[in-house]
Amino acid sequence: MSISRTFVLRSPSSAAALMSFLKANAGAMARAGKPLEVNVSESGAKRSIRQNRRYWQMIGHIAENAWVEGKQFGKETWHEFFAQRFGIMKEIILPNGEMALRRESTSEMDTETFQNYLFRIEAYSAQELGIEFD
């Protein structure tokens, strides 16, 4: 079992949620020989409006110009494709104890992570789809 959870402390209630999480899980994890580790750092700024605008321009350009096996796909399909291919996947434990992968929303990426994400999309588009951007 692996626990990974991120708390962004924007208010006293989010700090309380962190404390509740620790109270509910720290003892059991320690007894299982897997103590929790807590790191505190300044939260990275979320992707910028400019980055978001550039992203959707790129996705629109791909949707208009990319052909895969004789087919074109819409912006939402390309958005999901790239998010699954280059996005951040996190392991989560479901209530029944099973582990699953969950894709982090691209809107939750910080500016640096999102910039790297855009570079990967641009490189893939050029190499695999023959699409270049201005």
C-alpha atoms as a PDB file:
ATOM      1  CA  MET A   1       0.000   0.000   0.000  1.00  0.00           C
ATOM      2  CA  SER A   2       1.321   3.437  -0.931  1.00  0.00           C
ATOM      3  CA  ILE A   3      -0.147   6.713   0.270  1.00  0.00           C
ATOM      4  CA  SER A   4       0.414   9.925  -1.632  1.00  0.00           C
ATOM      5  CA  ARG A   5      -1.622  12.992  -0.859  1.00  0.00           C
ATOM      6  CA  THR A   6      -0.957  16.667  -1.414  1.00  0.00           C
ATOM      7  CA  PHE A   7      -2.471  19.387   0.720  1.00  0.00           C
ATOM      8  CA  VAL A   8      -2.217  23.049  -0.287  1.00  0.00           C
ATOM      9  CA  LEU A   9      -2.732  25.106   2.849  1.00  0.00           C
ATOM     10  CA  ARG A  10      -4.764  28.069   1.669  1.00  0.00           C
ATOM     11  CA  SER A  11      -6.931  28.389   4.756  1.00  0.00           C
ATOM     12  CA  PRO A  12      -7.298  27.122   8.313  1.00  0.00           C
ATOM     13  CA  SER A  13      -9.776  24.498   7.089  1.00  0.00           C
ATOM     14  CA  SER A  14      -7.209  22.990   4.687  1.00  0.00           C
ATOM     15  CA  ALA A  15      -4.679  22.862   7.547  1.00  0.00           C
ATOM     16  CA  ALA A  16      -7.328  21.093   9.640  1.00  0.00           C
ATOM     17  CA  ALA A  17      -7.863  18.606   6.808  1.00  0.00           C
ATOM     18  CA  LEU A  18      -4.129  17.847   6.815  1.00  0.00           C
ATOM     19  CA  MET A  19      -4.175  17.284  10.571  1.00  0.00           C
ATOM     20  CA  SER A  20      -7.197  14.987  10.276  1.00  0.00           C
ATOM     21  CA  PHE A  21      -5.485  12.994   7.540  1.00  0.00           C
ATOM     22  CA  LEU A  22      -2.353  12.593   9.665  1.00  0.00           C
ATOM     23  CA  LYS A  23      -4.349  11.571  12.757  1.00  0.00           C
ATOM     24  CA  ALA A  24      -6.296   9.011  10.715  1.00  0.00           C
ATOM     25  CA  ASN A  25      -3.287   7.450   8.995  1.00  0.00           C
ATOM     26  CA  ALA A  26       0.043   8.107  10.750  1.00  0.00           C
ATOM     27  CA  GLY A  27      -0.306   5.448  13.454  1.00  0.00           C
ATOM     28  CA  ALA A  28      -1.451   2.654  11.172  1.00  0.00           C
ATOM     29  CA  MET A  29       1.243   3.391   8.606  1.00  0.00           C
ATOM     30  CA  ALA A  30       3.958   3.476  11.303  1.00  0.00           C
ATOM     31  CA  ARG A  31       2.749   0.149  12.709  1.00  0.00           C
ATOM     32  CA  ALA A  32       2.884  -1.295   9.168  1.00  0.00           C
ATOM     33  CA  GLY A  33       6.528  -0.239   8.931  1.00  0.00           C
ATOM     34  CA  LYS A  34       5.727   2.487   6.397  1.00  0.00           C
ATOM     35  CA  PRO A  35       5.773   5.751   8.336  1.00  0.00           C
ATOM     36  CA  LEU A  36       4.434   8.826   6.605  1.00  0.00           C
ATOM     37  CA  GLU A  37       6.843  11.530   5.499  1.00  0.00           C
ATOM     38  CA  VAL A  38       5.779  15.169   5.617  1.00  0.00           C
ATOM     39  CA  ASN A  39       7.523  17.864   3.567  1.00  0.00           C
ATOM     40  CA  VAL A  40       6.530  21.514   3.793  1.00  0.00           C
ATOM     41  CA  SER A  41       7.300  23.899   0.942  1.00  0.00           C
ATOM     42  CA  GLU A  42       5.854  26.893  -0.823  1.00  0.00           C
ATOM     43  CA  SER A  43       3.247  25.844  -3.351  1.00  0.00           C
ATOM     44  CA  GLY A  44       4.157  26.450  -6.988  1.00  0.00           C
ATOM     45  CA  ALA A  45       2.017  28.896  -8.905  1.00  0.00           C
ATOM     46  CA  LYS A  46      -0.597  27.202 -11.072  1.00  0.00           C
ATOM     47  CA  ARG A  47      -0.286  27.417 -14.819  1.00  0.00           C
ATOM     48  CA  SER A  48      -0.711  30.945 -16.075  1.00  0.00           C
ATOM     49  CA  ILE A  49      -3.563  32.312 -18.148  1.00  0.00           C
ATOM     50  CA  ARG A  50      -1.045  32.905 -20.937  1.00  0.00           C
ATOM     51  CA  GLN A  51       0.108  29.271 -20.779  1.00  0.00           C
ATOM     52  CA  ASN A  52      -3.492  28.073 -20.807  1.00  0.00           C
ATOM     53  CA  ARG A  53      -4.293  30.223 -23.838  1.00  0.00           C
ATOM     54  CA  ARG A  54      -1.181  28.921 -25.675  1.00  0.00           C
ATOM     55  CA  TYR A  55      -2.108  25.342 -24.797  1.00  0.00           C
ATOM     56  CA  TRP A  56      -5.602  25.573 -26.250  1.00  0.00           C
ATOM     57  CA  GLN A  57      -4.240  27.308 -29.363  1.00  0.00           C
ATOM     58  CA  MET A  58      -1.839  24.401 -29.798  1.00  0.00           C
ATOM     59  CA  ILE A  59      -4.586  21.826 -29.250  1.00  0.00           C
ATOM     60  CA  GLY A  60      -6.837  23.635 -31.758  1.00  0.00           C
ATOM     61  CA  HIS A  61      -4.011  23.719 -34.337  1.00  0.00           C
ATOM     62  CA  ILE A  62      -3.412  19.992 -33.851  1.00  0.00           C
ATOM     63  CA  ALA A  63      -7.132  19.198 -34.137  1.00  0.00           C
ATOM     64  CA  GLU A  64      -7.347  21.167 -37.399  1.00  0.00           C
ATOM     65  CA  ASN A  65      -4.186  19.783 -38.994  1.00  0.00           C
ATOM     66  CA  ALA A  66      -3.429  16.325 -37.616  1.00  0.00           C
ATOM     67  CA  TRP A  67      -4.516  13.192 -39.421  1.00  0.00           C
ATOM     68  CA  VAL A  68      -4.051   9.772 -37.807  1.00  0.00           C
ATOM     69  CA  GLU A  69      -4.854   6.740 -39.962  1.00  0.00           C
ATOM     70  CA  GLY A  70      -7.049   8.901 -42.171  1.00  0.00           C
ATOM     71  CA  LYS A  71      -8.995  10.422 -39.281  1.00  0.00           C
ATOM     72  CA  GLN A  72      -9.084  13.754 -37.514  1.00  0.00           C
ATOM     73  CA  PHE A  73      -9.925  14.221 -33.854  1.00  0.00           C
ATOM     74  CA  GLY A  74     -11.388  17.107 -31.881  1.00  0.00           C
ATOM     75  CA  LYS A  75      -9.731  19.327 -29.308  1.00  0.00           C
ATOM     76  CA  GLU A  76     -11.121  17.441 -26.299  1.00  0.00           C
ATOM     77  CA  THR A  77      -9.816  14.139 -27.673  1.00  0.00           C
ATOM     78  CA  TRP A  78      -6.335  15.589 -28.196  1.00  0.00           C
ATOM     79  CA  HIS A  79      -6.479  17.184 -24.737  1.00  0.00           C
ATOM     80  CA  GLU A  80      -7.207  13.808 -23.137  1.00  0.00           C
ATOM     81  CA  PHE A  81      -4.628  12.020 -25.309  1.00  0.00           C
ATOM     82  CA  PHE A  82      -1.811  14.351 -24.267  1.00  0.00           C
ATOM     83  CA  ALA A  83      -2.915  14.471 -20.646  1.00  0.00           C
ATOM     84  CA  GLN A  84      -2.748  10.682 -20.451  1.00  0.00           C
ATOM     85  CA  ARG A  85       0.490  10.456 -22.422  1.00  0.00           C
ATOM     86  CA  PHE A  86       2.470  13.276 -20.806  1.00  0.00           C
ATOM     87  CA  GLY A  87       0.466  14.211 -17.718  1.00  0.00           C
ATOM     88  CA  ILE A  88       1.109  13.297 -14.129  1.00  0.00           C
ATOM     89  CA  MET A  89      -0.314   9.998 -12.969  1.00  0.00           C
ATOM     90  CA  LYS A  90      -0.732   9.358  -9.251  1.00  0.00           C
ATOM     91  CA  GLU A  91      -1.425   6.134  -7.426  1.00  0.00           C
ATOM     92  CA  ILE A  92      -4.489   6.259  -5.231  1.00  0.00           C
ATOM     93  CA  ILE A  93      -5.978   3.704  -2.889  1.00  0.00           C
ATOM     94  CA  LEU A  94      -9.669   3.105  -3.415  1.00  0.00           C
ATOM     95  CA  PRO A  95     -12.027   2.559  -0.465  1.00  0.00           C
ATOM     96  CA  ASN A  96     -12.006  -1.197  -1.166  1.00  0.00           C
ATOM     97  CA  GLY A  97      -8.192  -1.246  -0.756  1.00  0.00           C
ATOM     98  CA  GLU A  98      -7.386  -1.609  -4.445  1.00  0.00           C
ATOM     99  CA  MET A  99      -4.795   0.634  -6.030  1.00  0.00           C
ATOM    100  CA  ALA A 100      -5.642   2.706  -9.089  1.00  0.00           C
ATOM    101  CA  LEU A 101      -3.969   5.344 -11.209  1.00  0.00           C
ATOM    102  CA  ARG A 102      -5.539   8.766 -11.470  1.00  0.00           C
ATOM    103  CA  ARG A 103      -4.505  11.416 -13.927  1.00  0.00           C
ATOM    104  CA  GLU A 104      -3.855  14.788 -12.347  1.00  0.00           C
ATOM    105  CA  SER A 105      -5.743  17.574 -14.067  1.00  0.00           C
ATOM    106  CA  THR A 106      -3.531  19.740 -16.256  1.00  0.00           C
ATOM    107  CA  SER A 107      -5.121  22.756 -14.546  1.00  0.00           C
ATOM    108  CA  GLU A 108      -3.403  21.671 -11.320  1.00  0.00           C
ATOM    109  CA  MET A 109       0.096  21.778 -12.837  1.00  0.00           C
ATOM    110  CA  ASP A 110       2.416  24.545 -11.711  1.00  0.00           C
ATOM    111  CA  THR A 111       3.920  26.891 -14.291  1.00  0.00           C
ATOM    112  CA  GLU A 112       7.203  24.978 -14.649  1.00  0.00           C
ATOM    113  CA  THR A 113       5.555  21.567 -14.960  1.00  0.00           C
ATOM    114  CA  PHE A 114       3.033  22.934 -17.440  1.00  0.00           C
ATOM    115  CA  GLN A 115       5.783  24.537 -19.553  1.00  0.00           C
ATOM    116  CA  ASN A 116       7.538  21.163 -19.750  1.00  0.00           C
ATOM    117  CA  TYR A 117       4.205  19.593 -20.688  1.00  0.00           C
ATOM    118  CA  LEU A 118       3.813  22.104 -23.564  1.00  0.00           C
ATOM    119  CA  PHE A 119       7.342  21.341 -24.809  1.00  0.00           C
ATOM    120  CA  ARG A 120       6.571  17.612 -24.856  1.00  0.00           C
ATOM    121  CA  ILE A 121       3.364  18.179 -26.828  1.00  0.00           C
ATOM    122  CA  GLU A 122       5.186  20.392 -29.297  1.00  0.00           C
ATOM    123  CA  ALA A 123       7.978  17.826 -29.784  1.00  0.00           C
ATOM    124  CA  TYR A 124       5.495  14.966 -30.206  1.00  0.00           C
ATOM    125  CA  SER A 125       3.441  16.983 -32.673  1.00  0.00           C
ATOM    126  CA  ALA A 126       6.490  17.745 -34.810  1.00  0.00           C
ATOM    127  CA  GLN A 127       7.967  14.239 -34.694  1.00  0.00           C
ATOM    128  CA  GLU A 128       4.832  12.096 -34.868  1.00  0.00           C
ATOM    129  CA  LEU A 129       2.241  14.290 -36.551  1.00  0.00           C
ATOM    130  CA  GLY A 130       4.356  16.566 -38.766  1.00  0.00           C
ATOM    131  CA  ILE A 131       2.852  19.663 -37.151  1.00  0.00           C
ATOM    132  CA  GLU A 132       4.858  22.753 -36.307  1.00  0.00           C
ATOM    133  CA  PHE A 133       3.869  25.824 -34.316  1.00  0.00           C
ATOM    134  CA  ASP A 134       4.694  29.512 -34.735  1.00  0.00           C
END
